[in-house]
Amino acid sequence: MIGRDEQVEEMAALQEEVAQLRWAVVSHAVVDQAIGVVITVGGLRPDQGWEVLKQVSQHTNVKLREVARHVVQWPASGRLPDDIRRALSAAVDRLREEPDGSARSEEGDEQFVSCGPAG
């Protein structure tokens, strides 16, 4: 038979797990939305949108979910932190230059950064 203290500990552990799963669902949704922004504005495929977000996170030392949050808010706010904007443009340019991506937009970096003013 499980004692009262063990039940309380198990309940606390389950509540913590539920909270982490809820946070993961919200974070995943924001990342998916950010991928949508990147592929739409950058003229990339969905797998490349994911790669762009990973590269930006790595090059700016900002957690991926935070990069995603900034990218999702960017079209409405018109603001994107300078370091994220620079890393985003560079990552999009790198992926556009890949040999297997000849069908992507050729409009260049101006299209990507013109979605909103730097800020």
C-alpha atoms as a PDB file:
ATOM      1  CA  MET A   1       0.000   0.000   0.000  1.00  0.00           C
ATOM      2  CA  ILE A   2       1.225   3.475  -0.895  1.00  0.00           C
ATOM      3  CA  GLY A   3       1.670   5.867   2.007  1.00  0.00           C
ATOM      4  CA  ARG A   4       0.321   9.406   2.129  1.00  0.00           C
ATOM      5  CA  ASP A   5       3.748  10.989   1.568  1.00  0.00           C
ATOM      6  CA  GLU A   6       4.331   8.826  -1.502  1.00  0.00           C
ATOM      7  CA  GLN A   7       0.930   9.799  -2.901  1.00  0.00           C
ATOM      8  CA  VAL A   8       1.709  13.487  -2.413  1.00  0.00           C
ATOM      9  CA  GLU A   9       5.101  13.089  -4.118  1.00  0.00           C
ATOM     10  CA  GLU A  10       3.556  11.163  -7.005  1.00  0.00           C
ATOM     11  CA  MET A  11       0.838  13.787  -7.408  1.00  0.00           C
ATOM     12  CA  ALA A  12       3.421  16.585  -7.438  1.00  0.00           C
ATOM     13  CA  ALA A  13       5.501  14.739 -10.034  1.00  0.00           C
ATOM     14  CA  LEU A  14       2.439  14.214 -12.243  1.00  0.00           C
ATOM     15  CA  GLN A  15       1.442  17.868 -11.944  1.00  0.00           C
ATOM     16  CA  GLU A  16       4.964  18.903 -12.952  1.00  0.00           C
ATOM     17  CA  GLU A  17       4.860  16.565 -15.955  1.00  0.00           C
ATOM     18  CA  VAL A  18       1.484  17.952 -17.054  1.00  0.00           C
ATOM     19  CA  ALA A  19       2.815  21.513 -16.791  1.00  0.00           C
ATOM     20  CA  GLN A  20       5.875  20.597 -18.892  1.00  0.00           C
ATOM     21  CA  LEU A  21       3.703  18.913 -21.528  1.00  0.00           C
ATOM     22  CA  ARG A  22       1.412  21.944 -21.721  1.00  0.00           C
ATOM     23  CA  TRP A  23       4.415  24.220 -22.182  1.00  0.00           C
ATOM     24  CA  ALA A  24       5.779  21.911 -24.893  1.00  0.00           C
ATOM     25  CA  VAL A  25       2.487  22.052 -26.809  1.00  0.00           C
ATOM     26  CA  VAL A  26       2.441  25.858 -26.703  1.00  0.00           C
ATOM     27  CA  SER A  27       6.119  26.086 -27.679  1.00  0.00           C
ATOM     28  CA  HIS A  28       5.594  23.656 -30.553  1.00  0.00           C
ATOM     29  CA  ALA A  29       2.687  25.726 -31.891  1.00  0.00           C
ATOM     30  CA  VAL A  30       4.773  28.916 -31.828  1.00  0.00           C
ATOM     31  CA  VAL A  31       7.664  27.175 -33.583  1.00  0.00           C
ATOM     32  CA  ASP A  32       5.270  25.892 -36.273  1.00  0.00           C
ATOM     33  CA  GLN A  33       3.906  29.402 -36.768  1.00  0.00           C
ATOM     34  CA  ALA A  34       7.436  30.798 -37.025  1.00  0.00           C
ATOM     35  CA  ILE A  35       8.293  28.193 -39.661  1.00  0.00           C
ATOM     36  CA  GLY A  36       5.265  29.447 -41.588  1.00  0.00           C
ATOM     37  CA  VAL A  37       6.494  33.040 -41.415  1.00  0.00           C
ATOM     38  CA  VAL A  38       9.993  32.054 -42.531  1.00  0.00           C
ATOM     39  CA  ILE A  39       8.859  29.936 -45.470  1.00  0.00           C
ATOM     40  CA  THR A  40       6.345  32.548 -46.607  1.00  0.00           C
ATOM     41  CA  VAL A  41       8.603  35.559 -46.371  1.00  0.00           C
ATOM     42  CA  GLY A  42      11.819  33.752 -47.292  1.00  0.00           C
ATOM     43  CA  GLY A  43      10.407  31.678 -50.144  1.00  0.00           C
ATOM     44  CA  LEU A  44      11.650  28.410 -48.655  1.00  0.00           C
ATOM     45  CA  ARG A  45      10.334  24.892 -48.126  1.00  0.00           C
ATOM     46  CA  PRO A  46       9.012  23.858 -44.668  1.00  0.00           C
ATOM     47  CA  ASP A  47      12.074  21.746 -43.870  1.00  0.00           C
ATOM     48  CA  GLN A  48      14.247  24.738 -44.696  1.00  0.00           C
ATOM     49  CA  GLY A  49      12.139  26.962 -42.440  1.00  0.00           C
ATOM     50  CA  TRP A  50      12.913  24.630 -39.544  1.00  0.00           C
ATOM     51  CA  GLU A  51      16.605  24.683 -40.468  1.00  0.00           C
ATOM     52  CA  VAL A  52      16.596  28.504 -40.544  1.00  0.00           C
ATOM     53  CA  LEU A  53      15.134  28.688 -37.035  1.00  0.00           C
ATOM     54  CA  LYS A  54      17.715  26.211 -35.723  1.00  0.00           C
ATOM     55  CA  GLN A  55      20.572  28.154 -37.320  1.00  0.00           C
ATOM     56  CA  VAL A  56      19.320  31.467 -35.945  1.00  0.00           C
ATOM     57  CA  SER A  57      19.030  29.978 -32.468  1.00  0.00           C
ATOM     58  CA  GLN A  58      22.547  28.564 -32.652  1.00  0.00           C
ATOM     59  CA  HIS A  59      24.151  31.704 -34.100  1.00  0.00           C
ATOM     60  CA  THR A  60      22.476  34.087 -31.659  1.00  0.00           C
ATOM     61  CA  ASN A  61      22.615  31.841 -28.589  1.00  0.00           C
ATOM     62  CA  VAL A  62      18.873  32.426 -28.105  1.00  0.00           C
ATOM     63  CA  LYS A  63      16.567  29.521 -27.313  1.00  0.00           C
ATOM     64  CA  LEU A  64      14.672  28.315 -30.351  1.00  0.00           C
ATOM     65  CA  ARG A  65      11.265  29.011 -28.797  1.00  0.00           C
ATOM     66  CA  GLU A  66      12.350  32.623 -28.150  1.00  0.00           C
ATOM     67  CA  VAL A  67      13.552  33.032 -31.727  1.00  0.00           C
ATOM     68  CA  ALA A  68      10.205  31.615 -32.859  1.00  0.00           C
ATOM     69  CA  ARG A  69       8.299  34.027 -30.618  1.00  0.00           C
ATOM     70  CA  HIS A  70      10.148  37.007 -32.110  1.00  0.00           C
ATOM     71  CA  VAL A  71       9.588  35.772 -35.657  1.00  0.00           C
ATOM     72  CA  VAL A  72       5.860  35.224 -35.073  1.00  0.00           C
ATOM     73  CA  GLN A  73       5.451  38.711 -33.588  1.00  0.00           C
ATOM     74  CA  TRP A  74       7.575  40.372 -36.279  1.00  0.00           C
ATOM     75  CA  PRO A  75       4.925  40.856 -39.027  1.00  0.00           C
ATOM     76  CA  ALA A  76       2.495  42.565 -36.638  1.00  0.00           C
ATOM     77  CA  SER A  77       5.002  44.557 -34.602  1.00  0.00           C
ATOM     78  CA  GLY A  78       7.426  45.401 -37.383  1.00  0.00           C
ATOM     79  CA  ARG A  79      10.253  44.790 -34.918  1.00  0.00           C
ATOM     80  CA  LEU A  80      12.879  42.067 -34.851  1.00  0.00           C
ATOM     81  CA  PRO A  81      15.993  42.205 -32.643  1.00  0.00           C
ATOM     82  CA  ASP A  82      19.016  43.123 -34.764  1.00  0.00           C
ATOM     83  CA  ASP A  83      20.978  39.962 -33.963  1.00  0.00           C
ATOM     84  CA  ILE A  84      18.028  37.749 -34.882  1.00  0.00           C
ATOM     85  CA  ARG A  85      17.311  39.774 -38.035  1.00  0.00           C
ATOM     86  CA  ARG A  86      20.922  39.465 -39.209  1.00  0.00           C
ATOM     87  CA  ALA A  87      21.095  35.735 -38.426  1.00  0.00           C
ATOM     88  CA  LEU A  88      17.708  35.170 -40.102  1.00  0.00           C
ATOM     89  CA  SER A  89      18.784  36.922 -43.302  1.00  0.00           C
ATOM     90  CA  ALA A  90      22.081  35.032 -43.373  1.00  0.00           C
ATOM     91  CA  ALA A  91      20.410  31.657 -42.801  1.00  0.00           C
ATOM     92  CA  VAL A  92      17.822  32.307 -45.519  1.00  0.00           C
ATOM     93  CA  ASP A  93      20.556  33.385 -47.946  1.00  0.00           C
ATOM     94  CA  ARG A  94      22.589  30.239 -47.189  1.00  0.00           C
ATOM     95  CA  LEU A  95      19.620  27.973 -47.860  1.00  0.00           C
ATOM     96  CA  ARG A  96      18.641  29.843 -51.028  1.00  0.00           C
ATOM     97  CA  GLU A  97      22.140  29.210 -52.367  1.00  0.00           C
ATOM     98  CA  GLU A  98      21.910  25.422 -51.913  1.00  0.00           C
ATOM     99  CA  PRO A  99      22.093  23.631 -55.264  1.00  0.00           C
ATOM    100  CA  ASP A 100      18.891  21.621 -54.685  1.00  0.00           C
ATOM    101  CA  GLY A 101      16.788  24.761 -54.179  1.00  0.00           C
ATOM    102  CA  SER A 102      16.749  26.238 -57.658  1.00  0.00           C
ATOM    103  CA  ALA A 103      12.937  26.725 -57.625  1.00  0.00           C
ATOM    104  CA  ARG A 104      12.988  29.180 -54.712  1.00  0.00           C
ATOM    105  CA  SER A 105      12.573  32.926 -54.895  1.00  0.00           C
ATOM    106  CA  GLU A 106      15.431  34.878 -56.433  1.00  0.00           C
ATOM    107  CA  GLU A 107      14.339  38.265 -55.079  1.00  0.00           C
ATOM    108  CA  GLY A 108      17.125  38.345 -52.541  1.00  0.00           C
ATOM    109  CA  ASP A 109      17.505  39.543 -48.997  1.00  0.00           C
ATOM    110  CA  GLU A 110      15.519  42.751 -49.527  1.00  0.00           C
ATOM    111  CA  GLN A 111      12.274  40.772 -49.705  1.00  0.00           C
ATOM    112  CA  PHE A 112      13.033  38.972 -46.485  1.00  0.00           C
ATOM    113  CA  VAL A 113      13.962  41.931 -44.302  1.00  0.00           C
ATOM    114  CA  SER A 114      11.359  44.272 -45.795  1.00  0.00           C
ATOM    115  CA  CYS A 115       8.485  42.459 -44.079  1.00  0.00           C
ATOM    116  CA  GLY A 116       9.001  44.831 -41.184  1.00  0.00           C
ATOM    117  CA  PRO A 117      11.480  47.519 -40.187  1.00  0.00           C
ATOM    118  CA  ALA A 118      14.482  46.484 -38.183  1.00  0.00           C
ATOM    119  CA  GLY A 119      14.134  47.215 -34.549  1.00  0.00           C
END
